[in-house]
Amino acid sequence: MAIDRKLLEILCCPVTKHPVVPLSPGQLERVNAAIADGQVSTFDGTVVDTDLSEGLITTNGTRIYRVDDQIPIMLEAESIPADQIDGL
Protein backbone atom coordinates (compact mmCIF):
# COMPACT_ATOMS: atom_id res chain seq x y z
CA MET A 1 0.00 0.00 0.00
CA ALA A 2 1.37 3.41 -0.95
CA ILE A 3 2.17 6.18 1.49
CA ASP A 4 -0.51 8.87 1.87
CA ARG A 5 -0.17 11.67 -0.74
CA LYS A 6 -0.94 14.42 1.80
CA LEU A 7 1.89 13.17 4.01
CA LEU A 8 4.25 13.13 1.02
CA GLU A 9 3.42 16.77 0.28
CA ILE A 10 4.76 17.90 3.67
CA LEU A 11 7.66 15.50 4.20
CA CYS A 12 11.21 16.61 3.60
CA CYS A 13 14.63 15.27 4.45
CA PRO A 14 15.63 16.41 7.95
CA VAL A 15 19.23 16.82 6.76
CA THR A 16 19.06 18.34 3.26
CA LYS A 17 15.57 19.86 3.61
CA HIS A 18 14.76 18.59 0.10
CA PRO A 19 11.32 17.05 -0.50
CA VAL A 20 11.10 13.28 -0.81
CA VAL A 21 9.37 11.15 -3.42
CA PRO A 22 8.66 7.41 -3.51
CA LEU A 23 11.31 5.19 -5.04
CA SER A 24 10.23 3.95 -8.46
CA PRO A 25 9.91 0.18 -8.89
CA GLY A 26 13.22 0.17 -10.79
CA GLN A 27 14.99 2.18 -8.11
CA LEU A 28 13.58 -0.07 -5.40
CA GLU A 29 14.81 -3.12 -7.30
CA ARG A 30 18.34 -1.65 -7.56
CA VAL A 31 18.37 -0.76 -3.86
CA ASN A 32 17.25 -4.25 -2.85
CA ALA A 33 19.79 -5.89 -5.17
CA ALA A 34 22.56 -3.84 -3.54
CA ILE A 35 21.22 -4.78 -0.08
CA ALA A 36 21.26 -8.46 -1.07
CA ASP A 37 24.89 -8.06 -2.18
CA GLY A 38 25.80 -6.58 1.21
CA GLN A 39 26.80 -3.26 -0.35
CA VAL A 40 24.47 -0.93 1.59
CA SER A 41 24.89 0.71 4.97
CA THR A 42 23.01 3.47 6.74
CA PHE A 43 24.43 6.91 7.37
CA ASP A 44 25.72 5.75 10.77
CA GLY A 45 27.52 2.75 9.22
CA THR A 46 25.08 -0.04 10.08
CA VAL A 47 24.88 -2.65 7.31
CA VAL A 48 21.37 -2.88 5.86
CA ASP A 49 20.34 -6.53 5.67
CA THR A 50 16.56 -6.25 5.18
CA ASP A 51 14.99 -5.42 1.81
CA LEU A 52 12.88 -2.30 1.50
CA SER A 53 9.22 -2.85 0.66
CA GLU A 54 8.86 0.90 0.10
CA GLY A 55 11.27 3.80 0.23
CA LEU A 56 11.54 7.54 -0.22
CA ILE A 57 14.37 9.36 -1.94
CA THR A 58 15.20 13.04 -1.72
CA THR A 59 14.54 15.04 -4.87
CA ASN A 60 18.25 15.81 -5.08
CA GLY A 61 18.93 12.04 -5.05
CA THR A 62 21.24 11.94 -2.04
CA ARG A 63 19.35 10.05 0.69
CA ILE A 64 16.92 7.17 0.90
CA TYR A 65 14.51 6.59 3.76
CA ARG A 66 12.83 3.29 4.58
CA VAL A 67 9.01 3.15 4.84
CA ASP A 68 7.74 0.49 7.25
CA ASP A 69 3.98 -0.22 7.36
CA GLN A 70 3.31 3.12 5.61
CA ILE A 71 5.40 4.98 8.22
CA PRO A 72 8.42 6.84 6.84
CA ILE A 73 11.50 6.40 9.03
CA MET A 74 12.94 9.92 8.68
CA LEU A 75 15.95 9.54 10.98
CA GLU A 76 19.32 10.79 9.76
CA ALA A 77 21.22 7.86 11.27
CA GLU A 78 18.95 5.35 9.51
CA SER A 79 18.97 7.06 6.13
CA ILE A 80 20.82 5.37 3.29
CA PRO A 81 23.29 7.46 1.29
CA ALA A 82 22.09 6.96 -2.28
CA ASP A 83 25.59 7.13 -3.78
CA GLN A 84 26.11 3.51 -2.64
CA ILE A 85 23.63 2.25 -5.23
CA ASP A 86 24.55 2.26 -8.92
CA GLY A 87 21.98 3.69 -11.30
CA LEU A 88 20.01 5.88 -8.92
PDB file of N, CA and C in Angstrom:
ATOM      1  N   MET A   1       0.837  -1.180   0.000  1.00  0.00           N
ATOM      2  CA  MET A   1       0.000   0.000   0.000  1.00  0.00           C
ATOM      3  C   MET A   1       0.885   1.248   0.000  1.00  0.00           C
ATOM      4  N   ALA A   2       0.543   2.205  -0.796  1.00  0.00           N
ATOM      5  CA  ALA A   2       1.368   3.406  -0.950  1.00  0.00           C
ATOM      6  C   ALA A   2       1.176   4.383   0.211  1.00  0.00           C
ATOM      7  N   ILE A   3       2.209   5.165   0.441  1.00  0.00           N
ATOM      8  CA  ILE A   3       2.174   6.184   1.487  1.00  0.00           C
ATOM      9  C   ILE A   3       1.174   7.290   1.096  1.00  0.00           C
ATOM     10  N   ASP A   4       0.510   7.859   2.076  1.00  0.00           N
ATOM     11  CA  ASP A   4      -0.510   8.874   1.866  1.00  0.00           C
ATOM     12  C   ASP A   4       0.063  10.090   1.127  1.00  0.00           C
ATOM     13  N   ARG A   5      -0.625  10.540   0.081  1.00  0.00           N
ATOM     14  CA  ARG A   5      -0.168  11.666  -0.743  1.00  0.00           C
ATOM     15  C   ARG A   5      -0.058  12.961   0.064  1.00  0.00           C
ATOM     16  N   LYS A   6      -0.984  13.198   0.986  1.00  0.00           N
ATOM     17  CA  LYS A   6      -0.936  14.422   1.800  1.00  0.00           C
ATOM     18  C   LYS A   6       0.306  14.436   2.683  1.00  0.00           C
ATOM     19  N   LEU A   7       0.674  13.272   3.205  1.00  0.00           N
ATOM     20  CA  LEU A   7       1.888  13.169   4.005  1.00  0.00           C
ATOM     21  C   LEU A   7       3.114  13.454   3.140  1.00  0.00           C
ATOM     22  N   LEU A   8       3.128  12.902   1.930  1.00  0.00           N
ATOM     23  CA  LEU A   8       4.253  13.135   1.022  1.00  0.00           C
ATOM     24  C   LEU A   8       4.447  14.612   0.696  1.00  0.00           C
ATOM     25  N   GLU A   9       3.347  15.348   0.619  1.00  0.00           N
ATOM     26  CA  GLU A   9       3.420  16.773   0.285  1.00  0.00           C
ATOM     27  C   GLU A   9       4.152  17.582   1.353  1.00  0.00           C
ATOM     28  N   ILE A  10       4.130  17.123   2.599  1.00  0.00           N
ATOM     29  CA  ILE A  10       4.757  17.900   3.675  1.00  0.00           C
ATOM     30  C   ILE A  10       6.096  17.340   4.137  1.00  0.00           C
ATOM     31  N   LEU A  11       6.401  16.102   3.758  1.00  0.00           N
ATOM     32  CA  LEU A  11       7.663  15.498   4.199  1.00  0.00           C
ATOM     33  C   LEU A  11       8.862  16.087   3.466  1.00  0.00           C
ATOM     34  N   CYS A  12       9.938  16.252   4.208  1.00  0.00           N
ATOM     35  CA  CYS A  12      11.208  16.611   3.600  1.00  0.00           C
ATOM     36  C   CYS A  12      12.316  15.961   4.407  1.00  0.00           C
ATOM     37  N   CYS A  13      13.462  15.863   3.798  1.00  0.00           N
ATOM     38  CA  CYS A  13      14.626  15.275   4.448  1.00  0.00           C
ATOM     39  C   CYS A  13      15.041  16.160   5.620  1.00  0.00           C
ATOM     40  N   PRO A  14      15.222  15.598   6.811  1.00  0.00           N
ATOM     41  CA  PRO A  14      15.630  16.409   7.953  1.00  0.00           C
ATOM     42  C   PRO A  14      17.060  16.941   7.837  1.00  0.00           C
ATOM     43  N   VAL A  15      17.839  16.404   6.925  1.00  0.00           N
ATOM     44  CA  VAL A  15      19.231  16.822   6.757  1.00  0.00           C
ATOM     45  C   VAL A  15      19.357  17.839   5.623  1.00  0.00           C
ATOM     46  N   THR A  16      18.892  17.476   4.434  1.00  0.00           N
ATOM     47  CA  THR A  16      19.058  18.339   3.260  1.00  0.00           C
ATOM     48  C   THR A  16      17.915  19.328   3.078  1.00  0.00           C
ATOM     49  N   LYS A  17      16.802  19.049   3.722  1.00  0.00           N
ATOM     50  CA  LYS A  17      15.570  19.859   3.609  1.00  0.00           C
ATOM     51  C   LYS A  17      14.916  19.753   2.238  1.00  0.00           C
ATOM     52  N   HIS A  18      15.382  18.830   1.403  1.00  0.00           N
ATOM     53  CA  HIS A  18      14.756  18.593   0.104  1.00  0.00           C
ATOM     54  C   HIS A  18      13.511  17.723   0.293  1.00  0.00           C
ATOM     55  N   PRO A  19      12.489  17.931  -0.545  1.00  0.00           N
ATOM     56  CA  PRO A  19      11.318  17.051  -0.496  1.00  0.00           C
ATOM     57  C   PRO A  19      11.723  15.614  -0.826  1.00  0.00           C
ATOM     58  N   VAL A  20      10.865  14.689  -0.484  1.00  0.00           N
ATOM     59  CA  VAL A  20      11.101  13.281  -0.808  1.00  0.00           C
ATOM     60  C   VAL A  20       9.985  12.772  -1.708  1.00  0.00           C
ATOM     61  N   VAL A  21      10.321  11.797  -2.519  1.00  0.00           N
ATOM     62  CA  VAL A  21       9.371  11.147  -3.418  1.00  0.00           C
ATOM     63  C   VAL A  21       9.553   9.642  -3.286  1.00  0.00           C
ATOM     64  N   PRO A  22       8.511   8.875  -3.594  1.00  0.00           N
ATOM     65  CA  PRO A  22       8.663   7.412  -3.513  1.00  0.00           C
ATOM     66  C   PRO A  22       9.698   6.902  -4.511  1.00  0.00           C
ATOM     67  N   LEU A  23      10.411   5.870  -4.105  1.00  0.00           N
ATOM     68  CA  LEU A  23      11.307   5.189  -5.041  1.00  0.00           C
ATOM     69  C   LEU A  23      10.459   4.549  -6.132  1.00  0.00           C
ATOM     70  N   SER A  24      10.918   4.635  -7.360  1.00  0.00           N
ATOM     71  CA  SER A  24      10.228   3.954  -8.456  1.00  0.00           C
ATOM     72  C   SER A  24      10.464   2.452  -8.303  1.00  0.00           C
ATOM     73  N   PRO A  25       9.663   1.622  -8.964  1.00  0.00           N
ATOM     74  CA  PRO A  25       9.909   0.183  -8.889  1.00  0.00           C
ATOM     75  C   PRO A  25      11.332  -0.198  -9.319  1.00  0.00           C
ATOM     76  N   GLY A  26      11.854   0.460 -10.346  1.00  0.00           N
ATOM     77  CA  GLY A  26      13.221   0.170 -10.793  1.00  0.00           C
ATOM     78  C   GLY A  26      14.260   0.572  -9.764  1.00  0.00           C
ATOM     79  N   GLN A  27      14.076   1.733  -9.151  1.00  0.00           N
ATOM     80  CA  GLN A  27      14.993   2.177  -8.105  1.00  0.00           C
ATOM     81  C   GLN A  27      14.945   1.229  -6.918  1.00  0.00           C
ATOM     82  N   LEU A  28      13.740   0.845  -6.525  1.00  0.00           N
ATOM     83  CA  LEU A  28      13.581  -0.071  -5.397  1.00  0.00           C
ATOM     84  C   LEU A  28      14.265  -1.402  -5.688  1.00  0.00           C
ATOM     85  N   GLU A  29      14.153  -1.868  -6.906  1.00  0.00           N
ATOM     86  CA  GLU A  29      14.810  -3.120  -7.303  1.00  0.00           C
ATOM     87  C   GLU A  29      16.330  -2.997  -7.199  1.00  0.00           C
ATOM     88  N   ARG A  30      16.884  -1.865  -7.646  1.00  0.00           N
ATOM     89  CA  ARG A  30      18.336  -1.647  -7.561  1.00  0.00           C
ATOM     90  C   ARG A  30      18.803  -1.560  -6.110  1.00  0.00           C
ATOM     91  N   VAL A  31      18.025  -0.865  -5.275  1.00  0.00           N
ATOM     92  CA  VAL A  31      18.371  -0.760  -3.855  1.00  0.00           C
ATOM     93  C   VAL A  31      18.381  -2.141  -3.217  1.00  0.00           C
ATOM     94  N   ASN A  32      17.342  -2.926  -3.458  1.00  0.00           N
ATOM     95  CA  ASN A  32      17.249  -4.252  -2.846  1.00  0.00           C
ATOM     96  C   ASN A  32      18.311  -5.209  -3.372  1.00  0.00           C
ATOM     97  N   ALA A  33      18.704  -5.060  -4.629  1.00  0.00           N
ATOM     98  CA  ALA A  33      19.790  -5.889  -5.169  1.00  0.00           C
ATOM     99  C   ALA A  33      21.102  -5.542  -4.467  1.00  0.00           C
ATOM    100  N   ALA A  34      21.337  -4.257  -4.237  1.00  0.00           N
ATOM    101  CA  ALA A  34      22.556  -3.836  -3.535  1.00  0.00           C
ATOM    102  C   ALA A  34      22.532  -4.307  -2.084  1.00  0.00           C
ATOM    103  N   ILE A  35      21.355  -4.274  -1.454  1.00  0.00           N
ATOM    104  CA  ILE A  35      21.224  -4.779  -0.083  1.00  0.00           C
ATOM    105  C   ILE A  35      21.550  -6.271  -0.054  1.00  0.00           C
ATOM    106  N   ALA A  36      21.015  -7.018  -1.007  1.00  0.00           N
ATOM    107  CA  ALA A  36      21.264  -8.464  -1.073  1.00  0.00           C
ATOM    108  C   ALA A  36      22.746  -8.768  -1.267  1.00  0.00           C
ATOM    109  N   ASP A  37      23.449  -7.879  -1.960  1.00  0.00           N
ATOM    110  CA  ASP A  37      24.889  -8.057  -2.182  1.00  0.00           C
ATOM    111  C   ASP A  37      25.732  -7.579  -1.007  1.00  0.00           C
ATOM    112  N   GLY A  38      25.074  -7.053   0.032  1.00  0.00           N
ATOM    113  CA  GLY A  38      25.803  -6.583   1.208  1.00  0.00           C
ATOM    114  C   GLY A  38      26.543  -5.275   0.995  1.00  0.00           C
ATOM    115  N   GLN A  39      26.100  -4.486   0.019  1.00  0.00           N
ATOM    116  CA  GLN A  39      26.804  -3.255  -0.346  1.00  0.00           C
ATOM    117  C   GLN A  39      26.215  -1.994   0.258  1.00  0.00           C
ATOM    118  N   VAL A  40      25.184  -2.109   1.115  1.00  0.00           N
ATOM    119  CA  VAL A  40      24.466  -0.929   1.587  1.00  0.00           C
ATOM    120  C   VAL A  40      24.578  -0.798   3.100  1.00  0.00           C
ATOM    121  N   SER A  41      24.897   0.408   3.543  1.00  0.00           N
ATOM    122  CA  SER A  41      24.891   0.708   4.974  1.00  0.00           C
ATOM    123  C   SER A  41      24.173   2.040   5.186  1.00  0.00           C
ATOM    124  N   THR A  42      23.689   2.226   6.396  1.00  0.00           N
ATOM    125  CA  THR A  42      23.014   3.466   6.740  1.00  0.00           C
ATOM    126  C   THR A  42      24.045   4.567   6.949  1.00  0.00           C
ATOM    127  N   PHE A  43      23.552   5.774   7.148  1.00  0.00           N
ATOM    128  CA  PHE A  43      24.430   6.914   7.366  1.00  0.00           C
ATOM    129  C   PHE A  43      25.359   6.705   8.553  1.00  0.00           C
ATOM    130  N   ASP A  44      24.877   5.981   9.587  1.00  0.00           N
ATOM    131  CA  ASP A  44      25.719   5.753  10.767  1.00  0.00           C
ATOM    132  C   ASP A  44      26.624   4.526  10.638  1.00  0.00           C
ATOM    133  N   GLY A  45      26.613   3.860   9.461  1.00  0.00           N
ATOM    134  CA  GLY A  45      27.519   2.753   9.216  1.00  0.00           C
ATOM    135  C   GLY A  45      26.957   1.366   9.446  1.00  0.00           C
ATOM    136  N   THR A  46      25.698   1.261   9.865  1.00  0.00           N
ATOM    137  CA  THR A  46      25.078  -0.041  10.076  1.00  0.00           C
ATOM    138  C   THR A  46      24.752  -0.683   8.731  1.00  0.00           C
ATOM    139  N   VAL A  47      25.173  -1.937   8.553  1.00  0.00           N
ATOM    140  CA  VAL A  47      24.879  -2.650   7.309  1.00  0.00           C
ATOM    141  C   VAL A  47      23.383  -2.935   7.232  1.00  0.00           C
ATOM    142  N   VAL A  48      22.791  -2.619   6.084  1.00  0.00           N
ATOM    143  CA  VAL A  48      21.369  -2.880   5.856  1.00  0.00           C
ATOM    144  C   VAL A  48      21.248  -4.309   5.352  1.00  0.00           C
ATOM    145  N   ASP A  49      20.474  -5.136   6.084  1.00  0.00           N
ATOM    146  CA  ASP A  49      20.341  -6.535   5.674  1.00  0.00           C
ATOM    147  C   ASP A  49      18.895  -6.941   5.418  1.00  0.00           C
ATOM    148  N   THR A  50      17.982  -5.979   5.435  1.00  0.00           N
ATOM    149  CA  THR A  50      16.564  -6.251   5.177  1.00  0.00           C
ATOM    150  C   THR A  50      16.118  -5.436   3.972  1.00  0.00           C
ATOM    151  N   ASP A  51      15.492  -6.109   2.996  1.00  0.00           N
ATOM    152  CA  ASP A  51      14.986  -5.420   1.811  1.00  0.00           C
ATOM    153  C   ASP A  51      13.987  -4.340   2.188  1.00  0.00           C
ATOM    154  N   LEU A  52      13.885  -3.340   1.347  1.00  0.00           N
ATOM    155  CA  LEU A  52      12.882  -2.296   1.504  1.00  0.00           C
ATOM    156  C   LEU A  52      11.634  -2.715   0.742  1.00  0.00           C
ATOM    157  N   SER A  53      10.474  -2.617   1.378  1.00  0.00           N
ATOM    158  CA  SER A  53       9.223  -2.852   0.660  1.00  0.00           C
ATOM    159  C   SER A  53       8.764  -1.554   0.007  1.00  0.00           C
ATOM    160  N   GLU A  54       9.119  -0.436   0.633  1.00  0.00           N
ATOM    161  CA  GLU A  54       8.863   0.902   0.103  1.00  0.00           C
ATOM    162  C   GLU A  54      10.006   1.790   0.553  1.00  0.00           C
ATOM    163  N   GLY A  55      10.238   2.851  -0.165  1.00  0.00           N
ATOM    164  CA  GLY A  55      11.268   3.796   0.235  1.00  0.00           C
ATOM    165  C   GLY A  55      11.008   5.159  -0.355  1.00  0.00           C
ATOM    166  N   LEU A  56      11.619   6.159   0.251  1.00  0.00           N
ATOM    167  CA  LEU A  56      11.537   7.537  -0.224  1.00  0.00           C
ATOM    168  C   LEU A  56      12.948   8.010  -0.532  1.00  0.00           C
ATOM    169  N   ILE A  57      13.076   8.804  -1.578  1.00  0.00           N
ATOM    170  CA  ILE A  57      14.369   9.363  -1.942  1.00  0.00           C
ATOM    171  C   ILE A  57      14.222  10.876  -2.047  1.00  0.00           C
ATOM    172  N   THR A  58      15.249  11.583  -1.621  1.00  0.00           N
ATOM    173  CA  THR A  58      15.200  13.035  -1.718  1.00  0.00           C
ATOM    174  C   THR A  58      15.211  13.445  -3.187  1.00  0.00           C
ATOM    175  N   THR A  59      14.608  14.590  -3.478  1.00  0.00           N
ATOM    176  CA  THR A  59      14.538  15.039  -4.869  1.00  0.00           C
ATOM    177  C   THR A  59      15.913  15.367  -5.445  1.00  0.00           C
ATOM    178  N   ASN A  60      16.893  15.598  -4.573  1.00  0.00           N
ATOM    179  CA  ASN A  60      18.253  15.806  -5.076  1.00  0.00           C
ATOM    180  C   ASN A  60      19.025  14.486  -5.183  1.00  0.00           C
ATOM    181  N   GLY A  61      18.357  13.363  -4.853  1.00  0.00           N
ATOM    182  CA  GLY A  61      18.929  12.035  -5.054  1.00  0.00           C
ATOM    183  C   GLY A  61      20.055  11.645  -4.121  1.00  0.00           C
ATOM    184  N   THR A  62      20.117  12.232  -2.915  1.00  0.00           N
ATOM    185  CA  THR A  62      21.239  11.935  -2.035  1.00  0.00           C
ATOM    186  C   THR A  62      20.928  10.962  -0.907  1.00  0.00           C
ATOM    187  N   ARG A  63      19.685  10.901  -0.456  1.00  0.00           N
ATOM    188  CA  ARG A  63      19.350  10.049   0.689  1.00  0.00           C
ATOM    189  C   ARG A  63      18.083   9.262   0.428  1.00  0.00           C
ATOM    190  N   ILE A  64      18.074   8.052   0.998  1.00  0.00           N
ATOM    191  CA  ILE A  64      16.925   7.167   0.897  1.00  0.00           C
ATOM    192  C   ILE A  64      16.442   6.880   2.313  1.00  0.00           C
ATOM    193  N   TYR A  65      15.124   6.888   2.469  1.00  0.00           N
ATOM    194  CA  TYR A  65      14.508   6.586   3.761  1.00  0.00           C
ATOM    195  C   TYR A  65      13.573   5.396   3.606  1.00  0.00           C
ATOM    196  N   ARG A  66      13.678   4.471   4.544  1.00  0.00           N
ATOM    197  CA  ARG A  66      12.825   3.289   4.583  1.00  0.00           C
ATOM    198  C   ARG A  66      11.402   3.701   4.968  1.00  0.00           C
ATOM    199  N   VAL A  67      10.413   2.991   4.435  1.00  0.00           N
ATOM    200  CA  VAL A  67       9.015   3.150   4.839  1.00  0.00           C
ATOM    201  C   VAL A  67       8.567   1.794   5.357  1.00  0.00           C
ATOM    202  N   ASP A  68       8.204   1.733   6.630  1.00  0.00           N
ATOM    203  CA  ASP A  68       7.737   0.490   7.251  1.00  0.00           C
ATOM    204  C   ASP A  68       6.270   0.631   7.624  1.00  0.00           C
ATOM    205  N   ASP A  69       5.419  -0.252   7.080  1.00  0.00           N
ATOM    206  CA  ASP A  69       3.977  -0.219   7.361  1.00  0.00           C
ATOM    207  C   ASP A  69       3.402   1.176   7.137  1.00  0.00           C
ATOM    208  N   GLN A  70       3.763   1.799   6.030  1.00  0.00           N
ATOM    209  CA  GLN A  70       3.314   3.122   5.608  1.00  0.00           C
ATOM    210  C   GLN A  70       3.828   4.249   6.498  1.00  0.00           C
ATOM    211  N   ILE A  71       4.822   3.966   7.336  1.00  0.00           N
ATOM    212  CA  ILE A  71       5.397   4.976   8.216  1.00  0.00           C
ATOM    213  C   ILE A  71       6.823   5.268   7.751  1.00  0.00           C
ATOM    214  N   PRO A  72       7.068   6.494   7.263  1.00  0.00           N
ATOM    215  CA  PRO A  72       8.421   6.843   6.841  1.00  0.00           C
ATOM    216  C   PRO A  72       9.350   6.959   8.057  1.00  0.00           C
ATOM    217  N   ILE A  73      10.502   6.336   7.969  1.00  0.00           N
ATOM    218  CA  ILE A  73      11.504   6.400   9.034  1.00  0.00           C
ATOM    219  C   ILE A  73      12.488   7.507   8.646  1.00  0.00           C
ATOM    220  N   MET A  74      12.201   8.723   9.110  1.00  0.00           N
ATOM    221  CA  MET A  74      12.939   9.916   8.679  1.00  0.00           C
ATOM    222  C   MET A  74      14.037  10.285   9.679  1.00  0.00           C
ATOM    223  N   LEU A  75      14.845   9.317  10.049  1.00  0.00           N
ATOM    224  CA  LEU A  75      15.945   9.542  10.979  1.00  0.00           C
ATOM    225  C   LEU A  75      17.254   9.601  10.207  1.00  0.00           C
ATOM    226  N   GLU A  76      18.058  10.623  10.477  1.00  0.00           N
ATOM    227  CA  GLU A  76      19.317  10.791   9.758  1.00  0.00           C
ATOM    228  C   GLU A  76      20.198   9.551   9.863  1.00  0.00           C
ATOM    229  N   ALA A  77      20.345   9.009  11.059  1.00  0.00           N
ATOM    230  CA  ALA A  77      21.225   7.859  11.271  1.00  0.00           C
ATOM    231  C   ALA A  77      20.778   6.632  10.489  1.00  0.00           C
ATOM    232  N   GLU A  78      19.476   6.512  10.225  1.00  0.00           N
ATOM    233  CA  GLU A  78      18.952   5.347   9.514  1.00  0.00           C
ATOM    234  C   GLU A  78      18.761   5.585   8.022  1.00  0.00           C
ATOM    235  N   SER A  79      19.083   6.792   7.567  1.00  0.00           N
ATOM    236  CA  SER A  79      18.971   7.058   6.134  1.00  0.00           C
ATOM    237  C   SER A  79      20.088   6.328   5.393  1.00  0.00           C
ATOM    238  N   ILE A  80      19.845   6.069   4.137  1.00  0.00           N
ATOM    239  CA  ILE A  80      20.817   5.369   3.294  1.00  0.00           C
ATOM    240  C   ILE A  80      21.385   6.366   2.288  1.00  0.00           C
ATOM    241  N   PRO A  81      22.696   6.600   2.314  1.00  0.00           N
ATOM    242  CA  PRO A  81      23.292   7.459   1.285  1.00  0.00           C
ATOM    243  C   PRO A  81      23.100   6.810  -0.094  1.00  0.00           C
ATOM    244  N   ALA A  82      22.450   7.523  -0.986  1.00  0.00           N
ATOM    245  CA  ALA A  82      22.093   6.958  -2.284  1.00  0.00           C
ATOM    246  C   ALA A  82      23.285   6.708  -3.191  1.00  0.00           C
ATOM    247  N   ASP A  83      24.430   7.323  -2.906  1.00  0.00           N
ATOM    248  CA  ASP A  83      25.589   7.131  -3.778  1.00  0.00           C
ATOM    249  C   ASP A  83      26.173   5.724  -3.680  1.00  0.00           C
ATOM    250  N   GLN A  84      25.663   4.899  -2.756  1.00  0.00           N
ATOM    251  CA  GLN A  84      26.111   3.505  -2.643  1.00  0.00           C
ATOM    252  C   GLN A  84      25.469   2.608  -3.701  1.00  0.00           C
ATOM    253  N   ILE A  85      24.393   3.081  -4.316  1.00  0.00           N
ATOM    254  CA  ILE A  85      23.626   2.251  -5.234  1.00  0.00           C
ATOM    255  C   ILE A  85      23.822   2.764  -6.656  1.00  0.00           C
ATOM    256  N   ASP A  86      24.333   1.900  -7.525  1.00  0.00           N
ATOM    257  CA  ASP A  86      24.547   2.265  -8.922  1.00  0.00           C
ATOM    258  C   ASP A  86      23.209   2.477  -9.618  1.00  0.00           C
ATOM    259  N   GLY A  87      23.149   3.475 -10.461  1.00  0.00           N
ATOM    260  CA  GLY A  87      21.984   3.688 -11.299  1.00  0.00           C
ATOM    261  C   GLY A  87      20.859   4.468 -10.674  1.00  0.00           C
ATOM    262  N   LEU A  88      21.083   5.064  -9.496  1.00  0.00           N
ATOM    263  CA  LEU A  88      20.013   5.884  -8.924  1.00  0.00           C
ATOM    264  C   LEU A  88      20.232   7.268  -9.381  1.00  0.00           C
TER     265      LEU A  88
END
